Amino acid sequence: LAPMGTSCPDHFLRTKIRPLVLQLKGDVLSQSDEELRQQLMPQ
């Protein structure tokens, strides 16, 4: 459903056509700052 985007014009004018759904591996609370950056940047 998330990639389909919203329907009502007022919705996507505020939210863009669709969201970004994060895919993060491992325990983010124990990862280093650089490890988190490297996971997020490509997404």
PDB file of all heavy atoms in Angstrom:
ATOM      1  N   LEU A   1       0.799  -1.220   0.000  1.00  0.00           N
ATOM      2  CA  LEU A   1       0.000   0.000   0.000  1.00  0.00           C
ATOM      3  C   LEU A   1       0.837   1.280   0.000  1.00  0.00           C
ATOM      4  O   LEU A   1       0.483   2.254  -0.680  1.00  0.00           O
ATOM      5  CB  LEU A   1      -0.940   0.013   1.211  1.00  0.00           C
ATOM      6  CG  LEU A   1      -2.049  -1.039   1.193  1.00  0.00           C
ATOM      7  CD1 LEU A   1      -2.811  -1.026   2.517  1.00  0.00           C
ATOM      8  CD2 LEU A   1      -3.007  -0.805   0.036  1.00  0.00           C
ATOM      9  N   ALA A   2       1.929   1.314   0.750  1.00  0.00           N
ATOM     10  CA  ALA A   2       2.708   2.551   0.859  1.00  0.00           C
ATOM     11  C   ALA A   2       3.197   3.056  -0.499  1.00  0.00           C
ATOM     12  O   ALA A   2       3.086   4.257  -0.785  1.00  0.00           O
ATOM     13  CB  ALA A   2       3.874   2.360   1.822  1.00  0.00           C
ATOM     14  N   PRO A   3       3.725   2.199  -1.386  1.00  0.00           N
ATOM     15  CA  PRO A   3       4.193   2.710  -2.679  1.00  0.00           C
ATOM     16  C   PRO A   3       3.071   3.220  -3.579  1.00  0.00           C
ATOM     17  O   PRO A   3       3.339   3.970  -4.526  1.00  0.00           O
ATOM     18  CB  PRO A   3       4.882   1.492  -3.318  1.00  0.00           C
ATOM     19  CG  PRO A   3       5.187   0.574  -2.186  1.00  0.00           C
ATOM     20  CD  PRO A   3       4.077   0.778  -1.206  1.00  0.00           C
ATOM     21  N   MET A   4       1.828   2.813  -3.312  1.00  0.00           N
ATOM     22  CA  MET A   4       0.728   3.260  -4.167  1.00  0.00           C
ATOM     23  C   MET A   4       0.466   4.752  -4.033  1.00  0.00           C
ATOM     24  O   MET A   4      -0.060   5.390  -4.950  1.00  0.00           O
ATOM     25  CB  MET A   4      -0.553   2.484  -3.817  1.00  0.00           C
ATOM     26  CG  MET A   4      -0.502   1.015  -4.198  1.00  0.00           C
ATOM     27  SD  MET A   4      -1.987   0.133  -3.653  1.00  0.00           S
ATOM     28  CE  MET A   4      -3.233   0.929  -4.670  1.00  0.00           C
ATOM     29  N   GLY A   5       0.820   5.325  -2.900  1.00  0.00           N
ATOM     30  CA  GLY A   5       0.576   6.740  -2.695  1.00  0.00           C
ATOM     31  C   GLY A   5      -0.831   7.009  -2.214  1.00  0.00           C
ATOM     32  O   GLY A   5      -1.654   6.106  -2.074  1.00  0.00           O
ATOM     33  N   THR A   6      -1.110   8.286  -1.966  1.00  0.00           N
ATOM     34  CA  THR A   6      -2.399   8.676  -1.420  1.00  0.00           C
ATOM     35  C   THR A   6      -3.388   8.979  -2.536  1.00  0.00           C
ATOM     36  O   THR A   6      -3.051   9.004  -3.709  1.00  0.00           O
ATOM     37  CB  THR A   6      -2.236   9.896  -0.503  1.00  0.00           C
ATOM     38  OG1 THR A   6      -1.606  10.945  -1.236  1.00  0.00           O
ATOM     39  CG2 THR A   6      -1.376   9.557   0.695  1.00  0.00           C
ATOM     40  N   SER A   7      -4.623   9.224  -2.149  1.00  0.00           N
ATOM     41  CA  SER A   7      -5.690   9.440  -3.119  1.00  0.00           C
ATOM     42  C   SER A   7      -6.139  10.888  -3.130  1.00  0.00           C
ATOM     43  O   SER A   7      -6.033  11.573  -4.146  1.00  0.00           O
ATOM     44  CB  SER A   7      -6.881   8.520  -2.800  1.00  0.00           C
ATOM     45  OG  SER A   7      -7.979   8.839  -3.620  1.00  0.00           O
ATOM     46  N   CYS A   8      -6.630  11.376  -2.011  1.00  0.00           N
ATOM     47  CA  CYS A   8      -7.166  12.732  -1.948  1.00  0.00           C
ATOM     48  C   CYS A   8      -6.080  13.749  -2.290  1.00  0.00           C
ATOM     49  O   CYS A   8      -4.970  13.674  -1.762  1.00  0.00           O
ATOM     50  CB  CYS A   8      -7.707  12.997  -0.545  1.00  0.00           C
ATOM     51  SG  CYS A   8      -8.332  14.680  -0.308  1.00  0.00           S
ATOM     52  N   PRO A   9      -6.359  14.705  -3.181  1.00  0.00           N
ATOM     53  CA  PRO A   9      -5.333  15.693  -3.562  1.00  0.00           C
ATOM     54  C   PRO A   9      -4.720  16.414  -2.367  1.00  0.00           C
ATOM     55  O   PRO A   9      -3.513  16.665  -2.349  1.00  0.00           O
ATOM     56  CB  PRO A   9      -6.101  16.663  -4.461  1.00  0.00           C
ATOM     57  CG  PRO A   9      -7.235  15.876  -5.013  1.00  0.00           C
ATOM     58  CD  PRO A   9      -7.612  14.896  -3.940  1.00  0.00           C
ATOM     59  N   ASP A  10      -5.536  16.764  -1.380  1.00  0.00           N
ATOM     60  CA  ASP A  10      -4.998  17.455  -0.217  1.00  0.00           C
ATOM     61  C   ASP A  10      -3.952  16.613   0.502  1.00  0.00           C
ATOM     62  O   ASP A  10      -3.012  17.141   1.097  1.00  0.00           O
ATOM     63  CB  ASP A  10      -6.127  17.799   0.766  1.00  0.00           C
ATOM     64  CG  ASP A  10      -6.830  19.084   0.376  1.00  0.00           C
ATOM     65  OD1 ASP A  10      -7.135  19.217  -0.822  1.00  0.00           O
ATOM     66  OD2 ASP A  10      -7.082  19.923   1.242  1.00  0.00           O
ATOM     67  N   HIS A  11      -4.110  15.293   0.458  1.00  0.00           N
ATOM     68  CA  HIS A  11      -3.170  14.415   1.145  1.00  0.00           C
ATOM     69  C   HIS A  11      -1.792  14.480   0.496  1.00  0.00           C
ATOM     70  O   HIS A  11      -0.786  14.737   1.159  1.00  0.00           O
ATOM     71  CB  HIS A  11      -3.679  12.973   1.148  1.00  0.00           C
ATOM     72  CG  HIS A  11      -4.900  12.773   1.986  1.00  0.00           C
ATOM     73  ND1 HIS A  11      -5.569  11.568   2.051  1.00  0.00           N
ATOM     74  CD2 HIS A  11      -5.600  13.622   2.784  1.00  0.00           C
ATOM     75  CE1 HIS A  11      -6.623  11.696   2.857  1.00  0.00           C
ATOM     76  NE2 HIS A  11      -6.649  12.932   3.311  1.00  0.00           N
ATOM     77  N   PHE A  12      -1.719  14.215  -0.823  1.00  0.00           N
ATOM     78  CA  PHE A  12      -0.382  14.119  -1.401  1.00  0.00           C
ATOM     79  C   PHE A  12       0.253  15.485  -1.653  1.00  0.00           C
ATOM     80  O   PHE A  12       1.475  15.576  -1.824  1.00  0.00           O
ATOM     81  CB  PHE A  12      -0.341  13.231  -2.655  1.00  0.00           C
ATOM     82  CG  PHE A  12      -1.171  13.696  -3.810  1.00  0.00           C
ATOM     83  CD1 PHE A  12      -0.786  14.768  -4.587  1.00  0.00           C
ATOM     84  CD2 PHE A  12      -2.332  13.020  -4.150  1.00  0.00           C
ATOM     85  CE1 PHE A  12      -1.556  15.172  -5.657  1.00  0.00           C
ATOM     86  CE2 PHE A  12      -3.101  13.427  -5.226  1.00  0.00           C
ATOM     87  CZ  PHE A  12      -2.707  14.511  -5.985  1.00  0.00           C
ATOM     88  N   LEU A  13      -0.539  16.560  -1.664  1.00  0.00           N
ATOM     89  CA  LEU A  13       0.073  17.886  -1.725  1.00  0.00           C
ATOM     90  C   LEU A  13       0.913  18.138  -0.477  1.00  0.00           C
ATOM     91  O   LEU A  13       1.905  18.868  -0.513  1.00  0.00           O
ATOM     92  CB  LEU A  13      -1.002  18.964  -1.862  1.00  0.00           C
ATOM     93  CG  LEU A  13      -1.566  19.185  -3.270  1.00  0.00           C
ATOM     94  CD1 LEU A  13      -2.745  20.146  -3.222  1.00  0.00           C
ATOM     95  CD2 LEU A  13      -0.497  19.711  -4.214  1.00  0.00           C
ATOM     96  N   ARG A  14       0.501  17.551   0.629  1.00  0.00           N
ATOM     97  CA  ARG A  14       1.237  17.731   1.887  1.00  0.00           C
ATOM     98  C   ARG A  14       2.295  16.660   2.101  1.00  0.00           C
ATOM     99  O   ARG A  14       3.283  16.907   2.800  1.00  0.00           O
ATOM    100  CB  ARG A  14       0.256  17.686   3.064  1.00  0.00           C
ATOM    101  CG  ARG A  14      -0.705  18.868   3.124  1.00  0.00           C
ATOM    102  CD  ARG A  14      -0.065  20.077   3.736  1.00  0.00           C
ATOM    103  NE  ARG A  14      -1.027  21.154   3.934  1.00  0.00           N
ATOM    104  CZ  ARG A  14      -0.768  22.254   4.623  1.00  0.00           C
ATOM    105  NH1 ARG A  14       0.413  22.422   5.173  1.00  0.00           N
ATOM    106  NH2 ARG A  14      -1.679  23.199   4.753  1.00  0.00           N
ATOM    107  N   THR A  15       2.087  15.470   1.563  1.00  0.00           N
ATOM    108  CA  THR A  15       2.922  14.330   1.938  1.00  0.00           C
ATOM    109  C   THR A  15       3.800  13.813   0.808  1.00  0.00           C
ATOM    110  O   THR A  15       4.530  12.855   1.004  1.00  0.00           O
ATOM    111  CB  THR A  15       2.034  13.163   2.416  1.00  0.00           C
ATOM    112  OG1 THR A  15       1.239  12.703   1.317  1.00  0.00           O
ATOM    113  CG2 THR A  15       1.129  13.596   3.555  1.00  0.00           C
ATOM    114  N   LYS A  16       3.746  14.421  -0.367  1.00  0.00           N
ATOM    115  CA  LYS A  16       4.353  13.924  -1.590  1.00  0.00           C
ATOM    116  C   LYS A  16       3.606  12.661  -2.051  1.00  0.00           C
ATOM    117  O   LYS A  16       2.756  12.113  -1.354  1.00  0.00           O
ATOM    118  CB  LYS A  16       5.844  13.648  -1.430  1.00  0.00           C
ATOM    119  CG  LYS A  16       6.720  14.884  -1.656  1.00  0.00           C
ATOM    120  CD  LYS A  16       8.147  14.504  -1.997  1.00  0.00           C
ATOM    121  CE  LYS A  16       8.919  15.697  -2.507  1.00  0.00           C
ATOM    122  NZ  LYS A  16       9.242  16.669  -1.475  1.00  0.00           N
ATOM    123  N   ILE A  17       3.928  12.220  -3.222  1.00  0.00           N
ATOM    124  CA  ILE A  17       3.179  11.141  -3.862  1.00  0.00           C
ATOM    125  C   ILE A  17       3.229   9.858  -3.039  1.00  0.00           C
ATOM    126  O   ILE A  17       2.272   9.103  -2.972  1.00  0.00           O
ATOM    127  CB  ILE A  17       3.699  10.902  -5.306  1.00  0.00           C
ATOM    128  CG1 ILE A  17       2.906   9.817  -6.008  1.00  0.00           C
ATOM    129  CG2 ILE A  17       5.178  10.620  -5.319  1.00  0.00           C
ATOM    130  CD1 ILE A  17       1.451  10.162  -6.243  1.00  0.00           C
ATOM    131  N   ARG A  18       4.370   9.598  -2.377  1.00  0.00           N
ATOM    132  CA  ARG A  18       4.473   8.383  -1.544  1.00  0.00           C
ATOM    133  C   ARG A  18       5.531   8.582  -0.469  1.00  0.00           C
ATOM    134  O   ARG A  18       6.395   9.452  -0.590  1.00  0.00           O
ATOM    135  CB  ARG A  18       4.801   7.164  -2.400  1.00  0.00           C
ATOM    136  CG  ARG A  18       6.082   7.272  -3.211  1.00  0.00           C
ATOM    137  CD  ARG A  18       6.304   6.013  -4.037  1.00  0.00           C
ATOM    138  NE  ARG A  18       5.197   5.745  -4.920  1.00  0.00           N
ATOM    139  CZ  ARG A  18       5.076   6.232  -6.161  1.00  0.00           C
ATOM    140  NH1 ARG A  18       6.005   7.059  -6.631  1.00  0.00           N
ATOM    141  NH2 ARG A  18       4.049   5.923  -6.919  1.00  0.00           N
ATOM    142  N   PRO A  19       5.500   7.766   0.590  1.00  0.00           N
ATOM    143  CA  PRO A  19       6.492   7.878   1.668  1.00  0.00           C
ATOM    144  C   PRO A  19       7.744   7.057   1.375  1.00  0.00           C
ATOM    145  O   PRO A  19       7.785   6.261   0.424  1.00  0.00           O
ATOM    146  CB  PRO A  19       5.745   7.308   2.867  1.00  0.00           C
ATOM    147  CG  PRO A  19       4.875   6.238   2.255  1.00  0.00           C
ATOM    148  CD  PRO A  19       4.455   6.773   0.903  1.00  0.00           C
ATOM    149  N   LEU A  20       8.748   7.251   2.206  1.00  0.00           N
ATOM    150  CA  LEU A  20       9.917   6.378   2.233  1.00  0.00           C
ATOM    151  C   LEU A  20       9.714   5.383   3.366  1.00  0.00           C
ATOM    152  O   LEU A  20       9.457   5.779   4.505  1.00  0.00           O
ATOM    153  CB  LEU A  20      11.190   7.188   2.466  1.00  0.00           C
ATOM    154  CG  LEU A  20      12.463   6.396   2.803  1.00  0.00           C
ATOM    155  CD1 LEU A  20      12.845   5.462   1.664  1.00  0.00           C
ATOM    156  CD2 LEU A  20      13.617   7.338   3.134  1.00  0.00           C
ATOM    157  N   VAL A  21       9.817   4.101   3.057  1.00  0.00           N
ATOM    158  CA  VAL A  21       9.713   3.056   4.076  1.00  0.00           C
ATOM    159  C   VAL A  21      11.124   2.589   4.411  1.00  0.00           C
ATOM    160  O   VAL A  21      11.836   2.059   3.543  1.00  0.00           O
ATOM    161  CB  VAL A  21       8.850   1.873   3.593  1.00  0.00           C
ATOM    162  CG1 VAL A  21       8.789   0.792   4.676  1.00  0.00           C
ATOM    163  CG2 VAL A  21       7.450   2.353   3.235  1.00  0.00           C
ATOM    164  N   LEU A  22      11.545   2.790   5.648  1.00  0.00           N
ATOM    165  CA  LEU A  22      12.907   2.449   6.053  1.00  0.00           C
ATOM    166  C   LEU A  22      13.087   0.948   6.200  1.00  0.00           C
ATOM    167  O   LEU A  22      12.207   0.242   6.711  1.00  0.00           O
ATOM    168  CB  LEU A  22      13.244   3.109   7.395  1.00  0.00           C
ATOM    169  CG  LEU A  22      13.397   4.626   7.417  1.00  0.00           C
ATOM    170  CD1 LEU A  22      13.713   5.079   8.842  1.00  0.00           C
ATOM    171  CD2 LEU A  22      14.481   5.088   6.463  1.00  0.00           C
ATOM    172  N   GLN A  23      14.235   0.493   5.758  1.00  0.00           N
ATOM    173  CA  GLN A  23      14.654  -0.885   5.965  1.00  0.00           C
ATOM    174  C   GLN A  23      16.002  -0.834   6.676  1.00  0.00           C
ATOM    175  O   GLN A  23      17.035  -0.580   6.056  1.00  0.00           O
ATOM    176  CB  GLN A  23      14.775  -1.623   4.627  1.00  0.00           C
ATOM    177  CG  GLN A  23      13.499  -1.616   3.793  1.00  0.00           C
ATOM    178  CD  GLN A  23      12.380  -2.438   4.428  1.00  0.00           C
ATOM    179  OE1 GLN A  23      12.639  -3.366   5.209  1.00  0.00           O
ATOM    180  NE2 GLN A  23      11.143  -2.092   4.098  1.00  0.00           N
ATOM    181  N   LEU A  24      16.002  -1.066   7.983  1.00  0.00           N
ATOM    182  CA  LEU A  24      17.226  -0.971   8.765  1.00  0.00           C
ATOM    183  C   LEU A  24      17.557  -2.320   9.390  1.00  0.00           C
ATOM    184  O   LEU A  24      16.686  -2.976   9.966  1.00  0.00           O
ATOM    185  CB  LEU A  24      17.084   0.085   9.863  1.00  0.00           C
ATOM    186  CG  LEU A  24      16.891   1.531   9.370  1.00  0.00           C
ATOM    187  CD1 LEU A  24      16.676   2.466  10.536  1.00  0.00           C
ATOM    188  CD2 LEU A  24      18.079   1.974   8.545  1.00  0.00           C
ATOM    189  N   LYS A  25      18.814  -2.705   9.280  1.00  0.00           N
ATOM    190  CA  LYS A  25      19.266  -3.986   9.815  1.00  0.00           C
ATOM    191  C   LYS A  25      19.983  -3.773  11.143  1.00  0.00           C
ATOM    192  O   LYS A  25      20.646  -2.762  11.347  1.00  0.00           O
ATOM    193  CB  LYS A  25      20.206  -4.660   8.821  1.00  0.00           C
ATOM    194  CG  LYS A  25      19.569  -4.975   7.477  1.00  0.00           C
ATOM    195  CD  LYS A  25      20.583  -5.580   6.527  1.00  0.00           C
ATOM    196  CE  LYS A  25      19.960  -5.877   5.165  1.00  0.00           C
ATOM    197  NZ  LYS A  25      20.948  -6.420   4.207  1.00  0.00           N
ATOM    198  N   GLY A  26      19.855  -4.762  12.014  1.00  0.00           N
ATOM    199  CA  GLY A  26      20.575  -4.726  13.271  1.00  0.00           C
ATOM    200  C   GLY A  26      19.935  -3.821  14.306  1.00  0.00           C
ATOM    201  O   GLY A  26      18.907  -3.193  14.081  1.00  0.00           O
ATOM    202  N   ASP A  27      20.582  -3.749  15.456  1.00  0.00           N
ATOM    203  CA  ASP A  27      20.102  -2.941  16.582  1.00  0.00           C
ATOM    204  C   ASP A  27      20.642  -1.523  16.432  1.00  0.00           C
ATOM    205  O   ASP A  27      21.832  -1.270  16.650  1.00  0.00           O
ATOM    206  CB  ASP A  27      20.580  -3.565  17.893  1.00  0.00           C
ATOM    207  CG  ASP A  27      20.152  -2.754  19.114  1.00  0.00           C
ATOM    208  OD1 ASP A  27      19.338  -1.825  18.952  1.00  0.00           O
ATOM    209  OD2 ASP A  27      20.656  -3.041  20.218  1.00  0.00           O
ATOM    210  N   VAL A  28      19.776  -0.581  16.072  1.00  0.00           N
ATOM    211  CA  VAL A  28      20.240   0.789  15.821  1.00  0.00           C
ATOM    212  C   VAL A  28      20.770   1.443  17.091  1.00  0.00           C
ATOM    213  O   VAL A  28      21.569   2.386  17.018  1.00  0.00           O
ATOM    214  CB  VAL A  28      19.117   1.653  15.209  1.00  0.00           C
ATOM    215  CG1 VAL A  28      18.652   1.083  13.896  1.00  0.00           C
ATOM    216  CG2 VAL A  28      17.954   1.821  16.169  1.00  0.00           C
ATOM    217  N   LEU A  29      20.328   0.968  18.259  1.00  0.00           N
ATOM    218  CA  LEU A  29      20.780   1.580  19.509  1.00  0.00           C
ATOM    219  C   LEU A  29      22.234   1.252  19.817  1.00  0.00           C
ATOM    220  O   LEU A  29      22.880   1.967  20.591  1.00  0.00           O
ATOM    221  CB  LEU A  29      19.890   1.123  20.666  1.00  0.00           C
ATOM    222  CG  LEU A  29      18.426   1.581  20.602  1.00  0.00           C
ATOM    223  CD1 LEU A  29      17.630   1.006  21.767  1.00  0.00           C
ATOM    224  CD2 LEU A  29      18.332   3.101  20.602  1.00  0.00           C
ATOM    225  N   SER A  30      22.748   0.202  19.215  1.00  0.00           N
ATOM    226  CA  SER A  30      24.138  -0.186  19.483  1.00  0.00           C
ATOM    227  C   SER A  30      25.065   0.103  18.311  1.00  0.00           C
ATOM    228  O   SER A  30      26.280  -0.053  18.427  1.00  0.00           O
ATOM    229  CB  SER A  30      24.206  -1.682  19.836  1.00  0.00           C
ATOM    230  OG  SER A  30      23.752  -2.470  18.742  1.00  0.00           O
ATOM    231  N   GLN A  31      24.519   0.536  17.166  1.00  0.00           N
ATOM    232  CA  GLN A  31      25.353   0.801  16.002  1.00  0.00           C
ATOM    233  C   GLN A  31      26.029   2.157  16.102  1.00  0.00           C
ATOM    234  O   GLN A  31      25.524   3.083  16.747  1.00  0.00           O
ATOM    235  CB  GLN A  31      24.508   0.737  14.722  1.00  0.00           C
ATOM    236  CG  GLN A  31      24.020  -0.666  14.388  1.00  0.00           C
ATOM    237  CD  GLN A  31      23.147  -0.690  13.147  1.00  0.00           C
ATOM    238  OE1 GLN A  31      23.253   0.176  12.288  1.00  0.00           O
ATOM    239  NE2 GLN A  31      22.285  -1.683  13.051  1.00  0.00           N
ATOM    240  N   SER A  32      27.161   2.292  15.440  1.00  0.00           N
ATOM    241  CA  SER A  32      27.883   3.564  15.423  1.00  0.00           C
ATOM    242  C   SER A  32      27.168   4.556  14.517  1.00  0.00           C
ATOM    243  O   SER A  32      26.333   4.191  13.683  1.00  0.00           O
ATOM    244  CB  SER A  32      29.311   3.353  14.916  1.00  0.00           C
ATOM    245  OG  SER A  32      29.291   3.029  13.526  1.00  0.00           O
ATOM    246  N   ASP A  33      27.535   5.816  14.686  1.00  0.00           N
ATOM    247  CA  ASP A  33      26.952   6.853  13.838  1.00  0.00           C
ATOM    248  C   ASP A  33      27.223   6.566  12.368  1.00  0.00           C
ATOM    249  O   ASP A  33      26.339   6.728  11.514  1.00  0.00           O
ATOM    250  CB  ASP A  33      27.529   8.226  14.208  1.00  0.00           C
ATOM    251  CG  ASP A  33      27.075   8.702  15.576  1.00  0.00           C
ATOM    252  OD1 ASP A  33      26.237   8.020  16.197  1.00  0.00           O
ATOM    253  OD2 ASP A  33      27.566   9.760  16.021  1.00  0.00           O
ATOM    254  N   GLU A  34      28.433   6.147  12.055  1.00  0.00           N
ATOM    255  CA  GLU A  34      28.782   5.898  10.650  1.00  0.00           C
ATOM    256  C   GLU A  34      28.008   4.711  10.089  1.00  0.00           C
ATOM    257  O   GLU A  34      27.594   4.731   8.922  1.00  0.00           O
ATOM    258  CB  GLU A  34      30.291   5.658  10.523  1.00  0.00           C
ATOM    259  CG  GLU A  34      30.790   5.600   9.084  1.00  0.00           C
ATOM    260  CD  GLU A  34      30.434   6.847   8.285  1.00  0.00           C
ATOM    261  OE1 GLU A  34      30.340   7.946   8.865  1.00  0.00           O
ATOM    262  OE2 GLU A  34      30.232   6.707   7.055  1.00  0.00           O
ATOM    263  N   GLU A  35      27.792   3.698  10.895  1.00  0.00           N
ATOM    264  CA  GLU A  35      27.000   2.548  10.423  1.00  0.00           C
ATOM    265  C   GLU A  35      25.574   2.971  10.079  1.00  0.00           C
ATOM    266  O   GLU A  35      25.007   2.530   9.071  1.00  0.00           O
ATOM    267  CB  GLU A  35      26.987   1.452  11.503  1.00  0.00           C
ATOM    268  CG  GLU A  35      28.295   0.703  11.623  1.00  0.00           C
ATOM    269  CD  GLU A  35      28.297  -0.271  12.793  1.00  0.00           C
ATOM    270  OE1 GLU A  35      27.740   0.075  13.864  1.00  0.00           O
ATOM    271  OE2 GLU A  35      28.854  -1.381  12.647  1.00  0.00           O
ATOM    272  N   LEU A  36      24.999   3.831  10.900  1.00  0.00           N
ATOM    273  CA  LEU A  36      23.644   4.309  10.618  1.00  0.00           C
ATOM    274  C   LEU A  36      23.615   5.152   9.346  1.00  0.00           C
ATOM    275  O   LEU A  36      22.711   5.018   8.521  1.00  0.00           O
ATOM    276  CB  LEU A  36      23.115   5.115  11.797  1.00  0.00           C
ATOM    277  CG  LEU A  36      22.778   4.315  13.058  1.00  0.00           C
ATOM    278  CD1 LEU A  36      22.348   5.244  14.179  1.00  0.00           C
ATOM    279  CD2 LEU A  36      21.679   3.296  12.779  1.00  0.00           C
ATOM    280  N   ARG A  37      24.613   6.020   9.184  1.00  0.00           N
ATOM    281  CA  ARG A  37      24.670   6.834   7.958  1.00  0.00           C
ATOM    282  C   ARG A  37      24.743   5.942   6.723  1.00  0.00           C
ATOM    283  O   ARG A  37      24.065   6.190   5.717  1.00  0.00           O
ATOM    284  CB  ARG A  37      25.889   7.759   7.993  1.00  0.00           C
ATOM    285  CG  ARG A  37      25.705   8.998   8.814  1.00  0.00           C
ATOM    286  CD  ARG A  37      26.787  10.044   8.510  1.00  0.00           C
ATOM    287  NE  ARG A  37      26.735  11.103   9.497  1.00  0.00           N
ATOM    288  CZ  ARG A  37      27.455  11.140  10.606  1.00  0.00           C
ATOM    289  NH1 ARG A  37      28.298  10.159  10.880  1.00  0.00           N
ATOM    290  NH2 ARG A  37      27.331  12.132  11.464  1.00  0.00           N
ATOM    291  N   GLN A  38      25.568   4.945   6.798  1.00  0.00           N
ATOM    292  CA  GLN A  38      25.754   4.075   5.629  1.00  0.00           C
ATOM    293  C   GLN A  38      24.497   3.275   5.296  1.00  0.00           C
ATOM    294  O   GLN A  38      24.280   2.909   4.132  1.00  0.00           O
ATOM    295  CB  GLN A  38      26.935   3.118   5.874  1.00  0.00           C
ATOM    296  CG  GLN A  38      28.288   3.809   5.910  1.00  0.00           C
ATOM    297  CD  GLN A  38      28.556   4.622   4.654  1.00  0.00           C
ATOM    298  OE1 GLN A  38      28.293   4.182   3.534  1.00  0.00           O
ATOM    299  NE2 GLN A  38      29.069   5.836   4.829  1.00  0.00           N
ATOM    300  N   GLN A  39      23.663   3.006   6.295  1.00  0.00           N
ATOM    301  CA  GLN A  39      22.389   2.334   6.012  1.00  0.00           C
ATOM    302  C   GLN A  39      21.375   3.292   5.392  1.00  0.00           C
ATOM    303  O   GLN A  39      20.608   2.927   4.501  1.00  0.00           O
ATOM    304  CB  GLN A  39      21.805   1.738   7.295  1.00  0.00           C
ATOM    305  CG  GLN A  39      22.494   0.478   7.783  1.00  0.00           C
ATOM    306  CD  GLN A  39      21.524  -0.405   8.558  1.00  0.00           C
ATOM    307  OE1 GLN A  39      20.563  -0.940   7.995  1.00  0.00           O
ATOM    308  NE2 GLN A  39      21.768  -0.549   9.845  1.00  0.00           N
ATOM    309  N   LEU A  40      21.376   4.530   5.864  1.00  0.00           N
ATOM    310  CA  LEU A  40      20.339   5.473   5.454  1.00  0.00           C
ATOM    311  C   LEU A  40      20.619   6.140   4.108  1.00  0.00           C
ATOM    312  O   LEU A  40      19.693   6.369   3.321  1.00  0.00           O
ATOM    313  CB  LEU A  40      20.164   6.554   6.524  1.00  0.00           C
ATOM    314  CG  LEU A  40      19.513   6.111   7.826  1.00  0.00           C
ATOM    315  CD1 LEU A  40      19.593   7.217   8.868  1.00  0.00           C
ATOM    316  CD2 LEU A  40      18.054   5.722   7.591  1.00  0.00           C
ATOM    317  N   MET A  41      21.847   6.470   3.840  1.00  0.00           N
ATOM    318  CA  MET A  41      22.164   7.244   2.638  1.00  0.00           C
ATOM    319  C   MET A  41      21.669   6.594   1.350  1.00  0.00           C
ATOM    320  O   MET A  41      21.049   7.268   0.514  1.00  0.00           O
ATOM    321  CB  MET A  41      23.669   7.525   2.575  1.00  0.00           C
ATOM    322  CG  MET A  41      24.140   8.560   3.588  1.00  0.00           C
ATOM    323  SD  MET A  41      25.938   8.710   3.685  1.00  0.00           S
ATOM    324  CE  MET A  41      26.339   9.245   2.034  1.00  0.00           C
ATOM    325  N   PRO A  42      21.893   5.299   1.133  1.00  0.00           N
ATOM    326  CA  PRO A  42      21.410   4.702  -0.123  1.00  0.00           C
ATOM    327  C   PRO A  42      19.885   4.728  -0.245  1.00  0.00           C
ATOM    328  O   PRO A  42      19.362   4.866  -1.363  1.00  0.00           O
ATOM    329  CB  PRO A  42      21.936   3.259  -0.052  1.00  0.00           C
ATOM    330  CG  PRO A  42      23.020   3.277   0.961  1.00  0.00           C
ATOM    331  CD  PRO A  42      22.655   4.326   1.942  1.00  0.00           C
ATOM    332  N   GLN A  43      19.174   4.608   0.863  1.00  0.00           N
ATOM    333  CA  GLN A  43      17.713   4.614   0.806  1.00  0.00           C
ATOM    334  C   GLN A  43      17.184   5.990   0.413  1.00  0.00           C
ATOM    335  O   GLN A  43      16.246   6.104  -0.376  1.00  0.00           O
ATOM    336  CB  GLN A  43      17.142   4.169   2.151  1.00  0.00           C
ATOM    337  CG  GLN A  43      17.513   2.733   2.517  1.00  0.00           C
ATOM    338  CD  GLN A  43      16.874   2.270   3.813  1.00  0.00           C
ATOM    339  OE1 GLN A  43      15.655   2.286   3.964  1.00  0.00           O
ATOM    340  NE2 GLN A  43      17.691   1.842   4.761  1.00  0.00           N
TER     341      GLN A  43
END
